[in-house]
Amino acid sequence: MLGGLVVLGLLVLGGLGFIVLAVVIMTYNSLVTLRNRCENAWSQIDVQLKRRNDLIPNLVETVKGYAAHEQETFTRITEARAAMANAQTVKEKASANNMLTGALKSLFAVVENYPDLKANQNFMQLQEELTTTENKISYARQFYNDSVMKYDTSRQTFPNNIIAGMFHFVDRDYFEVEEAAREVPNVDFKK
């Protein structure tokens, strides 16, 4: 009789151990999946930021042909592109992105003074590609931030927070826009 109780007790403990192990494995795998979604979403932003960075030299060269004396604007864009190229973390990229967005606003303000430039087919095509890329960046940023929110929420809720702590799952940074960059530029190329 005592031997049967010992066996039953061991089976219950073994069953509980199995359940705990299964919960740990499922939680760990869930956190890995969410972390990988964040990394994939960040890669999508990075691709679009690079595409925009690659479009800018052609845009600047087109504008330079009409507005060569606007050197300060061109210098700001060059510096912002360099900051974007050298940025490594999400926060650095967000800051460089905001700097580049401000420099592009200045460039488009310069363009307003040159009606011939606004009618230039090459400029119009580059401007359209840049607009399309900006839209893709906006969508990718939203998807990334949603992925980070899901990951952080999962990582911070019980019992996931225990497993996340044990396996060093850390917070992710959101890709945020500075307040000044939130203002939509009022640029009209059809004048």
C-alpha atoms as a PDB file:
ATOM      1  CA  MET A   1       0.000   0.000   0.000  1.00  0.00           C
ATOM      2  CA  LEU A   2       2.759   2.454   0.922  1.00  0.00           C
ATOM      3  CA  GLY A   3       4.677   1.528  -2.217  1.00  0.00           C
ATOM      4  CA  GLY A   4       1.603   2.301  -4.331  1.00  0.00           C
ATOM      5  CA  LEU A   5       1.269   5.749  -2.730  1.00  0.00           C
ATOM      6  CA  VAL A   6       4.932   6.485  -3.385  1.00  0.00           C
ATOM      7  CA  VAL A   7       4.527   5.488  -7.040  1.00  0.00           C
ATOM      8  CA  LEU A   8       1.369   7.595  -7.321  1.00  0.00           C
ATOM      9  CA  GLY A   9       3.140  10.553  -5.679  1.00  0.00           C
ATOM     10  CA  LEU A  10       6.053  10.207  -8.107  1.00  0.00           C
ATOM     11  CA  LEU A  11       3.672  10.058 -11.048  1.00  0.00           C
ATOM     12  CA  VAL A  12       1.871  13.207  -9.870  1.00  0.00           C
ATOM     13  CA  LEU A  13       5.184  15.028  -9.346  1.00  0.00           C
ATOM     14  CA  GLY A  14       6.413  13.813 -12.721  1.00  0.00           C
ATOM     15  CA  GLY A  15       3.168  15.000 -14.358  1.00  0.00           C
ATOM     16  CA  LEU A  16       3.441  18.407 -12.689  1.00  0.00           C
ATOM     17  CA  GLY A  17       7.078  18.626 -13.735  1.00  0.00           C
ATOM     18  CA  PHE A  18       6.100  17.785 -17.290  1.00  0.00           C
ATOM     19  CA  ILE A  19       3.381  20.477 -17.280  1.00  0.00           C
ATOM     20  CA  VAL A  20       5.805  23.087 -15.905  1.00  0.00           C
ATOM     21  CA  LEU A  21       8.404  22.112 -18.500  1.00  0.00           C
ATOM     22  CA  ALA A  22       5.802  22.289 -21.283  1.00  0.00           C
ATOM     23  CA  VAL A  23       4.714  25.779 -20.152  1.00  0.00           C
ATOM     24  CA  VAL A  24       8.338  26.958 -20.059  1.00  0.00           C
ATOM     25  CA  ILE A  25       9.020  25.573 -23.547  1.00  0.00           C
ATOM     26  CA  MET A  26       5.835  27.043 -25.036  1.00  0.00           C
ATOM     27  CA  THR A  27       6.449  30.428 -23.418  1.00  0.00           C
ATOM     28  CA  TYR A  28      10.082  30.487 -24.518  1.00  0.00           C
ATOM     29  CA  ASN A  29       9.131  29.580 -28.102  1.00  0.00           C
ATOM     30  CA  SER A  30       6.404  32.238 -28.118  1.00  0.00           C
ATOM     31  CA  LEU A  31       8.868  34.896 -26.935  1.00  0.00           C
ATOM     32  CA  VAL A  32      11.408  33.826 -29.566  1.00  0.00           C
ATOM     33  CA  THR A  33       8.735  34.093 -32.274  1.00  0.00           C
ATOM     34  CA  LEU A  34       7.731  37.585 -31.147  1.00  0.00           C
ATOM     35  CA  ARG A  35      11.362  38.708 -30.892  1.00  0.00           C
ATOM     36  CA  ASN A  36      12.029  37.417 -34.423  1.00  0.00           C
ATOM     37  CA  ARG A  37       8.972  39.278 -35.722  1.00  0.00           C
ATOM     38  CA  CYS A  38      10.422  42.464 -34.237  1.00  0.00           C
ATOM     39  CA  GLU A  39      13.752  41.813 -35.933  1.00  0.00           C
ATOM     40  CA  ASN A  40      12.038  41.092 -39.249  1.00  0.00           C
ATOM     41  CA  ALA A  41       9.913  44.226 -38.957  1.00  0.00           C
ATOM     42  CA  TRP A  42      13.031  46.265 -38.187  1.00  0.00           C
ATOM     43  CA  SER A  43      14.718  44.828 -41.275  1.00  0.00           C
ATOM     44  CA  GLN A  44      11.803  46.068 -43.375  1.00  0.00           C
ATOM     45  CA  ILE A  45      12.249  49.590 -42.013  1.00  0.00           C
ATOM     46  CA  ASP A  46      15.976  49.396 -42.596  1.00  0.00           C
ATOM     47  CA  VAL A  47      15.477  48.398 -46.242  1.00  0.00           C
ATOM     48  CA  GLN A  48      13.163  51.356 -46.865  1.00  0.00           C
ATOM     49  CA  LEU A  49      15.457  53.793 -45.048  1.00  0.00           C
ATOM     50  CA  LYS A  50      18.329  52.642 -47.242  1.00  0.00           C
ATOM     51  CA  ARG A  51      16.206  53.009 -50.359  1.00  0.00           C
ATOM     52  CA  ARG A  52      15.330  56.574 -49.381  1.00  0.00           C
ATOM     53  CA  ASN A  53      18.956  57.300 -48.568  1.00  0.00           C
ATOM     54  CA  ASP A  54      19.926  56.015 -52.027  1.00  0.00           C
ATOM     55  CA  LEU A  55      17.322  58.200 -53.795  1.00  0.00           C
ATOM     56  CA  ILE A  56      18.430  61.423 -52.154  1.00  0.00           C
ATOM     57  CA  PRO A  57      21.730  61.999 -54.049  1.00  0.00           C
ATOM     58  CA  ASN A  58      19.879  61.945 -57.390  1.00  0.00           C
ATOM     59  CA  LEU A  59      17.256  64.306 -56.021  1.00  0.00           C
ATOM     60  CA  VAL A  60      19.925  66.672 -54.680  1.00  0.00           C
ATOM     61  CA  GLU A  61      21.859  66.634 -57.958  1.00  0.00           C
ATOM     62  CA  THR A  62      18.696  67.476 -59.878  1.00  0.00           C
ATOM     63  CA  VAL A  63      17.972  70.401 -57.552  1.00  0.00           C
ATOM     64  CA  LYS A  64      21.619  71.562 -57.652  1.00  0.00           C
ATOM     65  CA  GLY A  65      21.304  72.101 -61.384  1.00  0.00           C
ATOM     66  CA  TYR A  66      18.678  74.754 -60.687  1.00  0.00           C
ATOM     67  CA  ALA A  67      19.669  76.058 -57.262  1.00  0.00           C
ATOM     68  CA  ALA A  68      23.434  75.753 -56.950  1.00  0.00           C
ATOM     69  CA  HIS A  69      23.605  78.583 -54.399  1.00  0.00           C
ATOM     70  CA  GLU A  70      21.581  76.639 -51.804  1.00  0.00           C
ATOM     71  CA  GLN A  71      24.728  75.061 -50.341  1.00  0.00           C
ATOM     72  CA  GLU A  72      23.537  75.113 -46.717  1.00  0.00           C
ATOM     73  CA  THR A  73      20.541  72.933 -47.601  1.00  0.00           C
ATOM     74  CA  PHE A  74      22.732  70.492 -49.532  1.00  0.00           C
ATOM     75  CA  THR A  75      25.196  70.313 -46.642  1.00  0.00           C
ATOM     76  CA  ARG A  76      22.389  69.507 -44.164  1.00  0.00           C
ATOM     77  CA  ILE A  77      21.169  66.708 -46.402  1.00  0.00           C
ATOM     78  CA  THR A  78      24.679  65.288 -46.792  1.00  0.00           C
ATOM     79  CA  GLU A  79      25.192  65.355 -43.015  1.00  0.00           C
ATOM     80  CA  ALA A  80      21.800  63.758 -42.401  1.00  0.00           C
ATOM     81  CA  ARG A  81      22.516  60.986 -44.931  1.00  0.00           C
ATOM     82  CA  ALA A  82      25.868  60.319 -43.247  1.00  0.00           C
ATOM     83  CA  ALA A  83      24.151  60.142 -39.844  1.00  0.00           C
ATOM     84  CA  MET A  84      21.641  57.675 -41.286  1.00  0.00           C
ATOM     85  CA  ALA A  85      24.399  55.534 -42.784  1.00  0.00           C
ATOM     86  CA  ASN A  86      26.315  55.448 -39.486  1.00  0.00           C
ATOM     87  CA  ALA A  87      23.312  54.833 -37.191  1.00  0.00           C
ATOM     88  CA  GLN A  88      23.304  51.388 -35.606  1.00  0.00           C
ATOM     89  CA  THR A  89      20.512  51.208 -33.038  1.00  0.00           C
ATOM     90  CA  VAL A  90      16.803  51.853 -33.419  1.00  0.00           C
ATOM     91  CA  LYS A  91      17.109  55.118 -31.462  1.00  0.00           C
ATOM     92  CA  GLU A  92      20.068  56.289 -33.563  1.00  0.00           C
ATOM     93  CA  LYS A  93      18.217  55.443 -36.785  1.00  0.00           C
ATOM     94  CA  ALA A  94      15.072  57.213 -35.564  1.00  0.00           C
ATOM     95  CA  SER A  95      17.091  60.315 -34.699  1.00  0.00           C
ATOM     96  CA  ALA A  96      18.938  60.259 -38.037  1.00  0.00           C
ATOM     97  CA  ASN A  97      15.617  59.709 -39.824  1.00  0.00           C
ATOM     98  CA  ASN A  98      14.164  62.771 -38.126  1.00  0.00           C
ATOM     99  CA  MET A  99      17.237  64.802 -39.086  1.00  0.00           C
ATOM    100  CA  LEU A 100      16.947  63.659 -42.708  1.00  0.00           C
ATOM    101  CA  THR A 101      13.218  64.408 -42.802  1.00  0.00           C
ATOM    102  CA  GLY A 102      13.944  67.979 -41.656  1.00  0.00           C
ATOM    103  CA  ALA A 103      16.654  68.393 -44.279  1.00  0.00           C
ATOM    104  CA  LEU A 104      14.295  67.146 -46.996  1.00  0.00           C
ATOM    105  CA  LYS A 105      11.661  69.642 -45.877  1.00  0.00           C
ATOM    106  CA  SER A 106      14.255  72.379 -46.426  1.00  0.00           C
ATOM    107  CA  LEU A 107      15.089  70.988 -49.855  1.00  0.00           C
ATOM    108  CA  PHE A 108      11.450  70.957 -50.908  1.00  0.00           C
ATOM    109  CA  ALA A 109      11.042  74.506 -49.614  1.00  0.00           C
ATOM    110  CA  VAL A 110      13.922  75.527 -51.906  1.00  0.00           C
ATOM    111  CA  VAL A 111      12.249  73.765 -54.836  1.00  0.00           C
ATOM    112  CA  GLU A 112       9.197  75.995 -54.429  1.00  0.00           C
ATOM    113  CA  ASN A 113      11.291  78.919 -55.738  1.00  0.00           C
ATOM    114  CA  TYR A 114      12.089  77.154 -59.027  1.00  0.00           C
ATOM    115  CA  PRO A 115       9.039  76.523 -61.246  1.00  0.00           C
ATOM    116  CA  ASP A 116      11.194  74.994 -64.000  1.00  0.00           C
ATOM    117  CA  LEU A 117      12.560  72.465 -61.525  1.00  0.00           C
ATOM    118  CA  LYS A 118       9.082  71.506 -60.345  1.00  0.00           C
ATOM    119  CA  ALA A 119       8.193  70.774 -63.971  1.00  0.00           C
ATOM    120  CA  ASN A 120      11.376  68.755 -64.608  1.00  0.00           C
ATOM    121  CA  GLN A 121      10.423  65.162 -65.453  1.00  0.00           C
ATOM    122  CA  ASN A 122      13.430  63.674 -63.632  1.00  0.00           C
ATOM    123  CA  PHE A 123      12.632  65.666 -60.493  1.00  0.00           C
ATOM    124  CA  MET A 124       8.965  64.681 -60.627  1.00  0.00           C
ATOM    125  CA  GLN A 125       9.871  60.995 -60.952  1.00  0.00           C
ATOM    126  CA  LEU A 126      12.353  61.171 -58.068  1.00  0.00           C
ATOM    127  CA  GLN A 127       9.831  63.023 -55.941  1.00  0.00           C
ATOM    128  CA  GLU A 128       7.219  60.338 -56.664  1.00  0.00           C
ATOM    129  CA  GLU A 129       9.665  57.546 -55.758  1.00  0.00           C
ATOM    130  CA  LEU A 130      10.564  59.375 -52.560  1.00  0.00           C
ATOM    131  CA  THR A 131       6.882  59.793 -51.657  1.00  0.00           C
ATOM    132  CA  THR A 132       6.254  56.095 -52.278  1.00  0.00           C
ATOM    133  CA  THR A 133       9.265  55.182 -50.147  1.00  0.00           C
ATOM    134  CA  GLU A 134       8.121  57.516 -47.346  1.00  0.00           C
ATOM    135  CA  ASN A 135       4.750  55.737 -47.370  1.00  0.00           C
ATOM    136  CA  LYS A 136       6.491  52.356 -47.131  1.00  0.00           C
ATOM    137  CA  ILE A 137       8.628  53.630 -44.238  1.00  0.00           C
ATOM    138  CA  SER A 138       5.498  54.808 -42.454  1.00  0.00           C
ATOM    139  CA  TYR A 139       3.797  51.437 -42.890  1.00  0.00           C
ATOM    140  CA  ALA A 140       6.936  49.513 -41.874  1.00  0.00           C
ATOM    141  CA  ARG A 141       7.361  51.741 -38.800  1.00  0.00           C
ATOM    142  CA  GLN A 142       3.772  51.046 -37.764  1.00  0.00           C
ATOM    143  CA  PHE A 143       4.217  47.288 -38.246  1.00  0.00           C
ATOM    144  CA  TYR A 144       7.506  47.341 -36.320  1.00  0.00           C
ATOM    145  CA  ASN A 145       6.046  49.321 -33.423  1.00  0.00           C
ATOM    146  CA  ASP A 146       3.046  46.963 -33.288  1.00  0.00           C
ATOM    147  CA  SER A 147       5.439  43.990 -33.207  1.00  0.00           C
ATOM    148  CA  VAL A 148       7.452  45.594 -30.405  1.00  0.00           C
ATOM    149  CA  MET A 149       4.280  46.263 -28.424  1.00  0.00           C
ATOM    150  CA  LYS A 150       3.154  42.617 -28.742  1.00  0.00           C
ATOM    151  CA  TYR A 151       6.624  41.364 -27.803  1.00  0.00           C
ATOM    152  CA  ASP A 152       6.976  43.689 -24.803  1.00  0.00           C
ATOM    153  CA  THR A 153       3.447  42.930 -23.607  1.00  0.00           C
ATOM    154  CA  SER A 154       4.066  39.207 -23.809  1.00  0.00           C
ATOM    155  CA  ARG A 155       7.458  39.586 -22.156  1.00  0.00           C
ATOM    156  CA  GLN A 156       6.043  41.622 -19.269  1.00  0.00           C
ATOM    157  CA  THR A 157       2.976  39.518 -18.421  1.00  0.00           C
ATOM    158  CA  PHE A 158       2.924  36.680 -15.909  1.00  0.00           C
ATOM    159  CA  PRO A 159       4.245  33.959 -16.151  1.00  0.00           C
ATOM    160  CA  ASN A 160       6.097  35.009 -19.293  1.00  0.00           C
ATOM    161  CA  ASN A 161       8.001  37.674 -17.330  1.00  0.00           C
ATOM    162  CA  ILE A 162       9.670  34.968 -15.244  1.00  0.00           C
ATOM    163  CA  ILE A 163      10.804  33.005 -18.278  1.00  0.00           C
ATOM    164  CA  ALA A 164      11.770  36.199 -20.148  1.00  0.00           C
ATOM    165  CA  GLY A 165      13.966  37.181 -17.215  1.00  0.00           C
ATOM    166  CA  MET A 166      15.552  33.736 -16.992  1.00  0.00           C
ATOM    167  CA  PHE A 167      16.452  33.759 -20.699  1.00  0.00           C
ATOM    168  CA  HIS A 168      17.366  37.478 -20.930  1.00  0.00           C
ATOM    169  CA  PHE A 169      14.619  38.676 -23.269  1.00  0.00           C
ATOM    170  CA  VAL A 170      15.037  42.463 -23.150  1.00  0.00           C
ATOM    171  CA  ASP A 171      12.906  45.487 -24.053  1.00  0.00           C
ATOM    172  CA  ARG A 172      12.882  46.680 -27.649  1.00  0.00           C
ATOM    173  CA  ASP A 173      12.966  50.351 -28.623  1.00  0.00           C
ATOM    174  CA  TYR A 174      10.083  51.839 -30.557  1.00  0.00           C
ATOM    175  CA  PHE A 175      10.844  53.686 -33.799  1.00  0.00           C
ATOM    176  CA  GLU A 176       9.476  57.073 -32.837  1.00  0.00           C
ATOM    177  CA  VAL A 177       9.229  60.358 -34.649  1.00  0.00           C
ATOM    178  CA  GLU A 178      10.299  63.542 -32.866  1.00  0.00           C
ATOM    179  CA  GLU A 179       7.557  66.090 -32.218  1.00  0.00           C
ATOM    180  CA  ALA A 180       8.986  68.531 -34.803  1.00  0.00           C
ATOM    181  CA  ALA A 181       8.984  65.802 -37.445  1.00  0.00           C
ATOM    182  CA  ARG A 182       5.313  65.001 -36.775  1.00  0.00           C
ATOM    183  CA  GLU A 183       4.263  68.185 -38.581  1.00  0.00           C
ATOM    184  CA  VAL A 184       3.319  67.385 -42.142  1.00  0.00           C
ATOM    185  CA  PRO A 185       5.181  69.610 -44.592  1.00  0.00           C
ATOM    186  CA  ASN A 186       2.962  71.655 -46.850  1.00  0.00           C
ATOM    187  CA  VAL A 187       4.624  71.184 -50.216  1.00  0.00           C
ATOM    188  CA  ASP A 188       2.770  71.675 -53.492  1.00  0.00           C
ATOM    189  CA  PHE A 189       4.675  70.746 -56.648  1.00  0.00           C
ATOM    190  CA  LYS A 190       1.757  71.514 -58.940  1.00  0.00           C
ATOM    191  CA  LYS A 191       1.986  75.339 -58.750  1.00  0.00           C
END
